[in-house]
Amino acid sequence: MFTIRPARMSEKAQLEALIARSGIGLADGFYTPQEAAAVTREVFGVDSALVEDGTYFAVEEGATVVACGGWSRRATDFGGDGAKHGNDRLLDPATEPARIRAFFVEPAMARRGLGSLLLRHCMEAAAQAGFGSLELVSTMPGEPLYRAHGFAAIEPIALPLPAGVVIRLTRMGRSL
């Protein structure tokens, strides 16, 4: 039995460790080991604004957090606290899409529906907050999940990282 609850700032280190395991453990076949390590180190992490906003969630099996992810009413597309850039302003639900943000699953729990569970939860919450559409920036391993839930590619993104590593991402969107 899985339960979803708001993530807590007090568990940030635990979530960061889960994110690191997921970033490396679920990249095989999509990114090289060098790419997976770079994006995990340089981009992935908890965005504290989402936790503070109450829009970032932990999925538990018993008392163990096995996945995390959320949605945002802020303009930032992706990145943890150390990787965010640009304006983190609040979005206008009447004219702008909410963001799906930072989904990570414990590698041993992959393919058990946790991403879908989280995504449905976030889609419902964004709709209740008045948003009519969603956007996200997906890593390659996440694209199959998002496509299965009605997201379509908007544009490819090439994200340059240190040491000449370039990560392939895709901006995706859908109506609610």
N, C-alpha and C. Protein backbone atom coordinates (compact mmCIF):
# COMPACT_ATOMS: atom_id res chain seq x y z
N MET A 1 0.84 -1.19 0.00
CA MET A 1 0.00 0.00 0.00
C MET A 1 0.88 1.25 0.00
N PHE A 2 0.62 2.13 -0.94
CA PHE A 2 1.38 3.37 -1.05
C PHE A 2 0.52 4.53 -0.59
N THR A 3 1.13 5.49 0.09
CA THR A 3 0.44 6.70 0.51
C THR A 3 1.24 7.91 0.01
N ILE A 4 0.52 8.98 -0.30
CA ILE A 4 1.14 10.24 -0.72
C ILE A 4 0.88 11.27 0.36
N ARG A 5 1.91 12.01 0.67
CA ARG A 5 1.77 13.10 1.65
C ARG A 5 2.70 14.24 1.24
N PRO A 6 2.46 15.45 1.73
CA PRO A 6 3.38 16.54 1.43
C PRO A 6 4.78 16.24 1.99
N ALA A 7 5.79 16.55 1.21
CA ALA A 7 7.17 16.39 1.69
C ALA A 7 7.45 17.44 2.76
N ARG A 8 8.41 17.13 3.63
CA ARG A 8 8.76 18.03 4.72
C ARG A 8 10.21 18.49 4.57
N MET A 9 10.47 19.74 4.93
CA MET A 9 11.84 20.25 4.86
C MET A 9 12.78 19.42 5.75
N SER A 10 12.27 18.87 6.82
CA SER A 10 13.10 18.09 7.73
C SER A 10 13.64 16.81 7.09
N GLU A 11 13.06 16.39 5.98
CA GLU A 11 13.52 15.17 5.30
C GLU A 11 14.27 15.48 4.00
N LYS A 12 14.72 16.72 3.84
CA LYS A 12 15.39 17.11 2.61
C LYS A 12 16.59 16.21 2.30
N ALA A 13 17.41 15.90 3.28
CA ALA A 13 18.58 15.04 3.04
C ALA A 13 18.16 13.65 2.58
N GLN A 14 17.11 13.10 3.15
CA GLN A 14 16.59 11.79 2.75
C GLN A 14 16.08 11.84 1.31
N LEU A 15 15.38 12.91 0.95
CA LEU A 15 14.87 13.06 -0.41
C LEU A 15 16.02 13.24 -1.40
N GLU A 16 17.02 14.01 -1.02
CA GLU A 16 18.19 14.21 -1.89
C GLU A 16 18.89 12.88 -2.16
N ALA A 17 18.98 12.02 -1.17
CA ALA A 17 19.61 10.70 -1.35
C ALA A 17 18.78 9.84 -2.30
N LEU A 18 17.47 9.86 -2.16
CA LEU A 18 16.58 9.13 -3.07
C LEU A 18 16.73 9.66 -4.49
N ILE A 19 16.78 10.97 -4.64
CA ILE A 19 16.93 11.60 -5.95
C ILE A 19 18.24 11.16 -6.60
N ALA A 20 19.31 11.12 -5.84
CA ALA A 20 20.60 10.69 -6.39
C ALA A 20 20.55 9.23 -6.84
N ARG A 21 19.96 8.36 -6.03
CA ARG A 21 19.84 6.95 -6.42
C ARG A 21 19.01 6.80 -7.68
N SER A 22 17.91 7.54 -7.76
CA SER A 22 17.03 7.47 -8.92
C SER A 22 17.72 8.03 -10.17
N GLY A 23 18.38 9.16 -10.02
CA GLY A 23 19.04 9.79 -11.16
C GLY A 23 20.07 8.91 -11.82
N ILE A 24 20.81 8.17 -11.02
CA ILE A 24 21.82 7.25 -11.54
C ILE A 24 21.19 5.91 -11.92
N GLY A 25 20.35 5.39 -11.03
CA GLY A 25 19.83 4.03 -11.20
C GLY A 25 18.82 3.84 -12.31
N LEU A 26 18.13 4.90 -12.72
CA LEU A 26 17.11 4.74 -13.76
C LEU A 26 17.52 5.35 -15.10
N ALA A 27 18.79 5.73 -15.23
CA ALA A 27 19.26 6.37 -16.46
C ALA A 27 19.80 5.38 -17.49
N ASP A 28 20.04 4.15 -17.07
CA ASP A 28 20.63 3.16 -17.96
C ASP A 28 19.78 2.97 -19.21
N GLY A 29 20.41 3.03 -20.36
CA GLY A 29 19.71 2.90 -21.62
C GLY A 29 19.22 4.23 -22.18
N PHE A 30 19.28 5.28 -21.39
CA PHE A 30 18.86 6.61 -21.83
C PHE A 30 20.03 7.58 -21.88
N TYR A 31 20.87 7.53 -20.85
CA TYR A 31 22.04 8.40 -20.74
C TYR A 31 23.27 7.55 -20.48
N THR A 32 24.42 8.06 -20.87
CA THR A 32 25.67 7.38 -20.52
C THR A 32 25.89 7.54 -19.02
N PRO A 33 26.75 6.72 -18.42
CA PRO A 33 27.05 6.91 -17.00
C PRO A 33 27.58 8.32 -16.69
N GLN A 34 28.37 8.88 -17.60
CA GLN A 34 28.90 10.24 -17.40
C GLN A 34 27.76 11.27 -17.43
N GLU A 35 26.82 11.12 -18.37
CA GLU A 35 25.68 12.03 -18.44
C GLU A 35 24.80 11.91 -17.21
N ALA A 36 24.52 10.68 -16.79
CA ALA A 36 23.68 10.46 -15.61
C ALA A 36 24.31 11.07 -14.37
N ALA A 37 25.61 10.89 -14.21
CA ALA A 37 26.30 11.46 -13.05
C ALA A 37 26.27 12.98 -13.09
N ALA A 38 26.49 13.55 -14.26
CA ALA A 38 26.53 15.01 -14.39
C ALA A 38 25.17 15.64 -14.09
N VAL A 39 24.09 15.12 -14.69
CA VAL A 39 22.79 15.73 -14.47
C VAL A 39 22.33 15.51 -13.02
N THR A 40 22.67 14.38 -12.45
CA THR A 40 22.30 14.13 -11.05
C THR A 40 23.03 15.10 -10.13
N ARG A 41 24.31 15.29 -10.37
CA ARG A 41 25.13 16.17 -9.54
C ARG A 41 24.79 17.65 -9.75
N GLU A 42 24.60 18.06 -10.99
CA GLU A 42 24.49 19.48 -11.31
C GLU A 42 23.07 20.04 -11.32
N VAL A 43 22.07 19.18 -11.54
CA VAL A 43 20.71 19.69 -11.74
C VAL A 43 19.71 19.14 -10.74
N PHE A 44 19.72 17.84 -10.51
CA PHE A 44 18.69 17.21 -9.68
C PHE A 44 18.81 17.63 -8.22
N GLY A 45 17.69 17.66 -7.55
CA GLY A 45 17.67 17.96 -6.12
C GLY A 45 16.31 18.50 -5.73
N VAL A 46 16.13 18.70 -4.46
CA VAL A 46 14.88 19.23 -3.91
C VAL A 46 14.85 20.73 -4.17
N ASP A 47 13.72 21.21 -4.66
CA ASP A 47 13.47 22.64 -4.78
C ASP A 47 12.67 23.02 -3.53
N SER A 48 13.32 23.68 -2.59
CA SER A 48 12.69 24.01 -1.31
C SER A 48 11.42 24.84 -1.46
N ALA A 49 11.34 25.64 -2.51
CA ALA A 49 10.12 26.45 -2.72
C ALA A 49 8.89 25.56 -2.88
N LEU A 50 9.04 24.44 -3.57
CA LEU A 50 7.91 23.53 -3.75
C LEU A 50 7.50 22.90 -2.43
N VAL A 51 8.49 22.53 -1.62
CA VAL A 51 8.18 21.95 -0.31
C VAL A 51 7.44 22.99 0.53
N GLU A 52 7.96 24.22 0.53
CA GLU A 52 7.32 25.29 1.30
C GLU A 52 5.92 25.61 0.78
N ASP A 53 5.72 25.50 -0.53
CA ASP A 53 4.40 25.75 -1.13
C ASP A 53 3.41 24.62 -0.87
N GLY A 54 3.91 23.47 -0.41
CA GLY A 54 3.04 22.32 -0.18
C GLY A 54 2.68 21.57 -1.44
N THR A 55 3.49 21.73 -2.50
CA THR A 55 3.20 21.08 -3.79
C THR A 55 4.23 20.02 -4.16
N TYR A 56 5.08 19.64 -3.21
CA TYR A 56 6.05 18.55 -3.44
C TYR A 56 5.68 17.43 -2.48
N PHE A 57 5.68 16.20 -3.01
CA PHE A 57 5.12 15.09 -2.25
C PHE A 57 6.10 13.93 -2.10
N ALA A 58 5.90 13.19 -1.03
CA ALA A 58 6.63 11.94 -0.80
C ALA A 58 5.63 10.80 -0.91
N VAL A 59 6.04 9.75 -1.59
CA VAL A 59 5.23 8.53 -1.65
C VAL A 59 5.89 7.55 -0.71
N GLU A 60 5.10 7.00 0.19
CA GLU A 60 5.62 6.05 1.17
C GLU A 60 5.02 4.67 0.98
N GLU A 61 5.86 3.69 1.26
CA GLU A 61 5.40 2.32 1.45
C GLU A 61 5.72 2.03 2.90
N GLY A 62 4.69 1.94 3.71
CA GLY A 62 4.92 1.88 5.15
C GLY A 62 5.50 3.22 5.58
N ALA A 63 6.65 3.18 6.25
CA ALA A 63 7.30 4.41 6.69
C ALA A 63 8.49 4.79 5.80
N THR A 64 8.65 4.10 4.68
CA THR A 64 9.79 4.34 3.79
C THR A 64 9.38 5.16 2.59
N VAL A 65 10.10 6.26 2.34
CA VAL A 65 9.84 7.09 1.16
C VAL A 65 10.43 6.37 -0.05
N VAL A 66 9.58 6.07 -1.03
CA VAL A 66 10.01 5.31 -2.22
C VAL A 66 9.92 6.13 -3.51
N ALA A 67 9.34 7.32 -3.43
CA ALA A 67 9.27 8.20 -4.59
C ALA A 67 8.97 9.61 -4.11
N CYS A 68 9.27 10.58 -4.95
CA CYS A 68 8.94 11.96 -4.65
C CYS A 68 8.73 12.72 -5.95
N GLY A 69 7.99 13.79 -5.86
CA GLY A 69 7.74 14.62 -7.02
C GLY A 69 6.64 15.60 -6.72
N GLY A 70 6.43 16.53 -7.64
CA GLY A 70 5.41 17.51 -7.36
C GLY A 70 5.01 18.33 -8.57
N TRP A 71 4.29 19.37 -8.28
CA TRP A 71 3.87 20.32 -9.29
C TRP A 71 4.15 21.70 -8.72
N SER A 72 4.11 22.68 -9.59
CA SER A 72 4.44 24.02 -9.12
C SER A 72 3.58 25.06 -9.79
N ARG A 73 3.29 26.08 -9.02
CA ARG A 73 2.62 27.27 -9.53
C ARG A 73 3.65 28.36 -9.78
N ARG A 74 4.93 27.96 -9.85
CA ARG A 74 6.02 28.91 -10.08
C ARG A 74 6.61 28.72 -11.48
N ALA A 75 7.28 29.74 -11.98
CA ALA A 75 7.78 29.75 -13.36
C ALA A 75 9.00 28.86 -13.59
N THR A 76 9.74 28.51 -12.56
CA THR A 76 10.93 27.68 -12.73
C THR A 76 10.55 26.35 -13.38
N ASP A 77 11.30 25.95 -14.41
CA ASP A 77 11.01 24.71 -15.12
C ASP A 77 11.55 23.47 -14.43
N PHE A 78 12.78 23.55 -13.92
CA PHE A 78 13.41 22.37 -13.34
C PHE A 78 14.60 22.79 -12.48
N GLY A 79 15.11 21.83 -11.73
CA GLY A 79 16.31 22.03 -10.94
C GLY A 79 16.05 22.13 -9.46
N GLY A 80 16.98 21.57 -8.71
CA GLY A 80 16.94 21.67 -7.26
C GLY A 80 17.44 23.03 -6.82
N ASP A 81 17.53 23.24 -5.52
CA ASP A 81 17.93 24.54 -4.97
C ASP A 81 19.23 25.07 -5.58
N GLY A 82 20.19 24.18 -5.82
CA GLY A 82 21.49 24.62 -6.32
C GLY A 82 21.54 24.85 -7.82
N ALA A 83 20.49 24.50 -8.54
CA ALA A 83 20.52 24.57 -10.00
C ALA A 83 19.46 25.50 -10.59
N LYS A 84 18.62 26.06 -9.77
CA LYS A 84 17.55 26.92 -10.30
C LYS A 84 18.14 28.21 -10.84
N HIS A 85 17.51 28.70 -11.90
CA HIS A 85 17.91 29.98 -12.45
C HIS A 85 16.67 30.67 -13.00
N GLY A 86 16.75 31.95 -13.16
CA GLY A 86 15.61 32.69 -13.71
C GLY A 86 14.65 33.12 -12.63
N ASN A 87 13.51 33.59 -13.08
CA ASN A 87 12.49 34.15 -12.22
C ASN A 87 11.59 33.04 -11.66
N ASP A 88 11.50 32.97 -10.35
CA ASP A 88 10.67 31.95 -9.70
C ASP A 88 9.29 32.53 -9.34
N ARG A 89 8.82 33.43 -10.17
CA ARG A 89 7.54 34.12 -9.92
C ARG A 89 6.36 33.14 -9.94
N LEU A 90 5.28 33.57 -9.35
CA LEU A 90 4.06 32.78 -9.39
C LEU A 90 3.43 32.88 -10.78
N LEU A 91 2.88 31.78 -11.27
CA LEU A 91 2.23 31.72 -12.57
C LEU A 91 0.78 32.16 -12.45
N ASP A 92 0.22 32.61 -13.55
CA ASP A 92 -1.20 32.98 -13.61
C ASP A 92 -1.98 31.78 -14.13
N PRO A 93 -2.78 31.14 -13.28
CA PRO A 93 -3.51 29.94 -13.72
C PRO A 93 -4.44 30.19 -14.90
N ALA A 94 -4.88 31.41 -15.10
CA ALA A 94 -5.81 31.71 -16.19
C ALA A 94 -5.12 31.70 -17.55
N THR A 95 -3.80 31.96 -17.56
CA THR A 95 -3.11 32.11 -18.85
C THR A 95 -1.84 31.28 -18.99
N GLU A 96 -1.38 30.67 -17.91
CA GLU A 96 -0.10 29.94 -17.96
C GLU A 96 -0.27 28.52 -17.44
N PRO A 97 0.55 27.59 -17.94
CA PRO A 97 0.48 26.22 -17.44
C PRO A 97 1.21 26.05 -16.10
N ALA A 98 0.66 25.21 -15.25
CA ALA A 98 1.39 24.79 -14.05
C ALA A 98 2.56 23.92 -14.49
N ARG A 99 3.53 23.71 -13.62
CA ARG A 99 4.69 22.89 -13.93
C ARG A 99 4.62 21.57 -13.15
N ILE A 100 4.94 20.49 -13.83
CA ILE A 100 5.20 19.22 -13.16
C ILE A 100 6.69 19.20 -12.89
N ARG A 101 7.08 18.84 -11.66
CA ARG A 101 8.47 19.00 -11.29
C ARG A 101 9.04 17.79 -10.53
N ALA A 102 10.24 17.42 -10.93
CA ALA A 102 11.15 16.61 -10.13
C ALA A 102 10.57 15.29 -9.62
N PHE A 103 10.22 14.40 -10.55
CA PHE A 103 9.74 13.08 -10.18
C PHE A 103 10.92 12.12 -10.09
N PHE A 104 11.02 11.42 -8.98
CA PHE A 104 12.09 10.44 -8.77
C PHE A 104 11.53 9.24 -8.03
N VAL A 105 11.97 8.06 -8.47
CA VAL A 105 11.50 6.80 -7.90
C VAL A 105 12.71 5.98 -7.46
N GLU A 106 12.59 5.35 -6.31
CA GLU A 106 13.63 4.43 -5.85
C GLU A 106 13.82 3.38 -6.94
N PRO A 107 15.05 3.16 -7.42
CA PRO A 107 15.25 2.22 -8.52
C PRO A 107 14.65 0.82 -8.28
N ALA A 108 14.72 0.33 -7.07
CA ALA A 108 14.16 -1.00 -6.78
C ALA A 108 12.63 -1.01 -6.87
N MET A 109 12.02 0.17 -6.91
CA MET A 109 10.56 0.28 -6.96
C MET A 109 10.07 0.71 -8.35
N ALA A 110 10.96 0.76 -9.32
CA ALA A 110 10.59 1.20 -10.67
C ALA A 110 9.56 0.25 -11.27
N ARG A 111 8.74 0.80 -12.13
CA ARG A 111 7.73 0.05 -12.90
C ARG A 111 6.65 -0.56 -12.02
N ARG A 112 6.36 0.11 -10.91
CA ARG A 112 5.29 -0.35 -10.03
C ARG A 112 4.15 0.66 -9.94
N GLY A 113 4.16 1.67 -10.83
CA GLY A 113 3.08 2.63 -10.88
C GLY A 113 3.24 3.86 -10.00
N LEU A 114 4.40 4.02 -9.38
CA LEU A 114 4.58 5.16 -8.47
C LEU A 114 4.60 6.49 -9.21
N GLY A 115 5.24 6.54 -10.37
CA GLY A 115 5.25 7.76 -11.17
C GLY A 115 3.84 8.14 -11.60
N SER A 116 3.08 7.15 -12.04
CA SER A 116 1.69 7.41 -12.45
C SER A 116 0.84 7.88 -11.27
N LEU A 117 1.02 7.27 -10.12
CA LEU A 117 0.29 7.66 -8.92
C LEU A 117 0.58 9.12 -8.58
N LEU A 118 1.85 9.48 -8.58
CA LEU A 118 2.26 10.86 -8.29
C LEU A 118 1.72 11.83 -9.34
N LEU A 119 1.84 11.45 -10.60
CA LEU A 119 1.41 12.33 -11.67
C LEU A 119 -0.09 12.60 -11.60
N ARG A 120 -0.88 11.58 -11.38
CA ARG A 120 -2.33 11.79 -11.25
C ARG A 120 -2.64 12.72 -10.07
N HIS A 121 -1.95 12.52 -8.96
CA HIS A 121 -2.14 13.35 -7.78
C HIS A 121 -1.82 14.81 -8.10
N CYS A 122 -0.72 15.05 -8.78
CA CYS A 122 -0.29 16.41 -9.12
C CYS A 122 -1.22 17.05 -10.15
N MET A 123 -1.67 16.27 -11.11
CA MET A 123 -2.59 16.81 -12.12
C MET A 123 -3.90 17.24 -11.47
N GLU A 124 -4.40 16.44 -10.56
CA GLU A 124 -5.64 16.80 -9.86
C GLU A 124 -5.45 18.06 -9.02
N ALA A 125 -4.33 18.16 -8.32
CA ALA A 125 -4.07 19.33 -7.48
C ALA A 125 -3.93 20.59 -8.31
N ALA A 126 -3.24 20.50 -9.45
CA ALA A 126 -3.08 21.68 -10.32
C ALA A 126 -4.44 22.10 -10.89
N ALA A 127 -5.26 21.14 -11.27
CA ALA A 127 -6.60 21.46 -11.78
C ALA A 127 -7.44 22.14 -10.70
N GLN A 128 -7.36 21.63 -9.47
CA GLN A 128 -8.11 22.23 -8.36
C GLN A 128 -7.64 23.64 -8.06
N ALA A 129 -6.36 23.93 -8.37
CA ALA A 129 -5.82 25.28 -8.16
C ALA A 129 -6.16 26.22 -9.31
N GLY A 130 -6.91 25.72 -10.30
CA GLY A 130 -7.39 26.57 -11.37
C GLY A 130 -6.59 26.55 -12.66
N PHE A 131 -5.58 25.69 -12.74
CA PHE A 131 -4.79 25.61 -13.96
C PHE A 131 -5.51 24.76 -15.01
N GLY A 132 -5.40 25.17 -16.27
CA GLY A 132 -6.03 24.44 -17.36
C GLY A 132 -5.07 23.63 -18.19
N SER A 133 -3.78 23.79 -17.91
CA SER A 133 -2.77 23.03 -18.65
C SER A 133 -1.52 22.85 -17.80
N LEU A 134 -0.67 21.95 -18.27
CA LEU A 134 0.57 21.62 -17.58
C LEU A 134 1.73 21.62 -18.56
N GLU A 135 2.91 21.97 -18.08
CA GLU A 135 4.15 21.79 -18.82
C GLU A 135 5.18 21.18 -17.89
N LEU A 136 6.17 20.57 -18.50
CA LEU A 136 7.28 20.00 -17.75
C LEU A 136 8.49 19.92 -18.66
N VAL A 137 9.63 19.77 -18.05
CA VAL A 137 10.85 19.46 -18.80
C VAL A 137 11.27 18.07 -18.34
N SER A 138 11.24 17.13 -19.27
CA SER A 138 11.48 15.73 -18.94
C SER A 138 12.89 15.30 -19.30
N THR A 139 13.44 14.45 -18.45
CA THR A 139 14.63 13.71 -18.82
C THR A 139 14.20 12.60 -19.77
N MET A 140 15.14 11.98 -20.42
CA MET A 140 14.82 10.89 -21.34
C MET A 140 14.12 9.72 -20.62
N PRO A 141 14.58 9.32 -19.41
CA PRO A 141 13.88 8.21 -18.74
C PRO A 141 12.43 8.53 -18.37
N GLY A 142 12.10 9.81 -18.19
CA GLY A 142 10.74 10.19 -17.80
C GLY A 142 9.76 10.29 -18.95
N GLU A 143 10.27 10.44 -20.17
CA GLU A 143 9.37 10.66 -21.30
C GLU A 143 8.29 9.59 -21.48
N PRO A 144 8.60 8.30 -21.37
CA PRO A 144 7.53 7.30 -21.54
C PRO A 144 6.38 7.47 -20.55
N LEU A 145 6.68 7.81 -19.31
CA LEU A 145 5.64 8.05 -18.31
C LEU A 145 4.75 9.20 -18.74
N TYR A 146 5.35 10.30 -19.11
CA TYR A 146 4.56 11.49 -19.44
C TYR A 146 3.75 11.28 -20.72
N ARG A 147 4.33 10.62 -21.71
CA ARG A 147 3.58 10.33 -22.94
C ARG A 147 2.36 9.45 -22.64
N ALA A 148 2.54 8.48 -21.73
CA ALA A 148 1.44 7.58 -21.37
C ALA A 148 0.29 8.32 -20.70
N HIS A 149 0.57 9.52 -20.18
CA HIS A 149 -0.46 10.32 -19.51
C HIS A 149 -0.87 11.53 -20.33
N GLY A 150 -0.66 11.46 -21.63
CA GLY A 150 -1.20 12.48 -22.52
C GLY A 150 -0.33 13.68 -22.80
N PHE A 151 0.90 13.67 -22.32
CA PHE A 151 1.81 14.78 -22.62
C PHE A 151 2.39 14.58 -24.01
N ALA A 152 2.59 15.69 -24.72
CA ALA A 152 3.21 15.67 -26.04
C ALA A 152 4.44 16.56 -26.02
N ALA A 153 5.42 16.20 -26.84
CA ALA A 153 6.64 16.99 -26.94
C ALA A 153 6.33 18.37 -27.51
N ILE A 154 6.92 19.39 -26.92
CA ILE A 154 6.83 20.75 -27.42
C ILE A 154 8.13 21.14 -28.11
N GLU A 155 9.26 20.82 -27.45
CA GLU A 155 10.56 21.15 -28.04
C GLU A 155 11.67 20.34 -27.35
N PRO A 156 12.70 20.00 -28.11
CA PRO A 156 13.87 19.37 -27.50
C PRO A 156 14.74 20.45 -26.84
N ILE A 157 15.43 20.06 -25.80
CA ILE A 157 16.34 20.96 -25.10
C ILE A 157 17.68 20.26 -24.97
N ALA A 158 18.75 20.97 -25.26
CA ALA A 158 20.11 20.47 -25.03
C ALA A 158 20.69 21.30 -23.89
N LEU A 159 20.85 20.68 -22.72
CA LEU A 159 21.31 21.38 -21.52
C LEU A 159 22.81 21.17 -21.35
N PRO A 160 23.63 22.21 -21.56
CA PRO A 160 25.07 22.06 -21.37
C PRO A 160 25.43 22.05 -19.89
N LEU A 161 26.29 21.09 -19.52
CA LEU A 161 26.77 20.97 -18.15
C LEU A 161 28.30 21.00 -18.17
N PRO A 162 28.94 21.11 -17.00
CA PRO A 162 30.41 21.13 -16.97
C PRO A 162 31.04 19.91 -17.65
N ALA A 163 32.29 20.05 -18.01
CA ALA A 163 33.11 19.00 -18.63
C ALA A 163 32.59 18.62 -20.02
N GLY A 164 31.86 19.53 -20.67
CA GLY A 164 31.41 19.27 -22.02
C GLY A 164 30.24 18.32 -22.14
N VAL A 165 29.60 17.98 -21.04
CA VAL A 165 28.45 17.09 -21.07
C VAL A 165 27.21 17.88 -21.50
N VAL A 166 26.45 17.34 -22.42
CA VAL A 166 25.19 17.95 -22.85
C VAL A 166 24.08 16.93 -22.62
N ILE A 167 23.08 17.34 -21.86
CA ILE A 167 21.97 16.45 -21.50
C ILE A 167 20.77 16.75 -22.40
N ARG A 168 20.21 15.68 -22.97
CA ARG A 168 19.00 15.79 -23.78
C ARG A 168 17.77 15.76 -22.89
N LEU A 169 16.96 16.81 -23.03
CA LEU A 169 15.71 16.94 -22.30
C LEU A 169 14.61 17.25 -23.30
N THR A 170 13.36 17.16 -22.88
CA THR A 170 12.24 17.52 -23.76
C THR A 170 11.21 18.30 -22.96
N ARG A 171 10.86 19.49 -23.49
CA ARG A 171 9.74 20.22 -22.91
C ARG A 171 8.48 19.54 -23.44
N MET A 172 7.53 19.27 -22.53
CA MET A 172 6.29 18.58 -22.88
C MET A 172 5.11 19.33 -22.26
N GLY A 173 3.94 19.12 -22.83
CA GLY A 173 2.76 19.78 -22.27
C GLY A 173 1.49 19.01 -22.56
N ARG A 174 0.44 19.39 -21.86
CA ARG A 174 -0.90 18.81 -22.06
C ARG A 174 -1.94 19.69 -21.40
N SER A 175 -3.14 19.58 -21.88
CA SER A 175 -4.28 20.26 -21.25
C SER A 175 -4.80 19.40 -20.12
N LEU A 176 -5.47 20.07 -19.18
CA LEU A 176 -6.09 19.33 -18.06
C LEU A 176 -7.56 19.12 -18.35
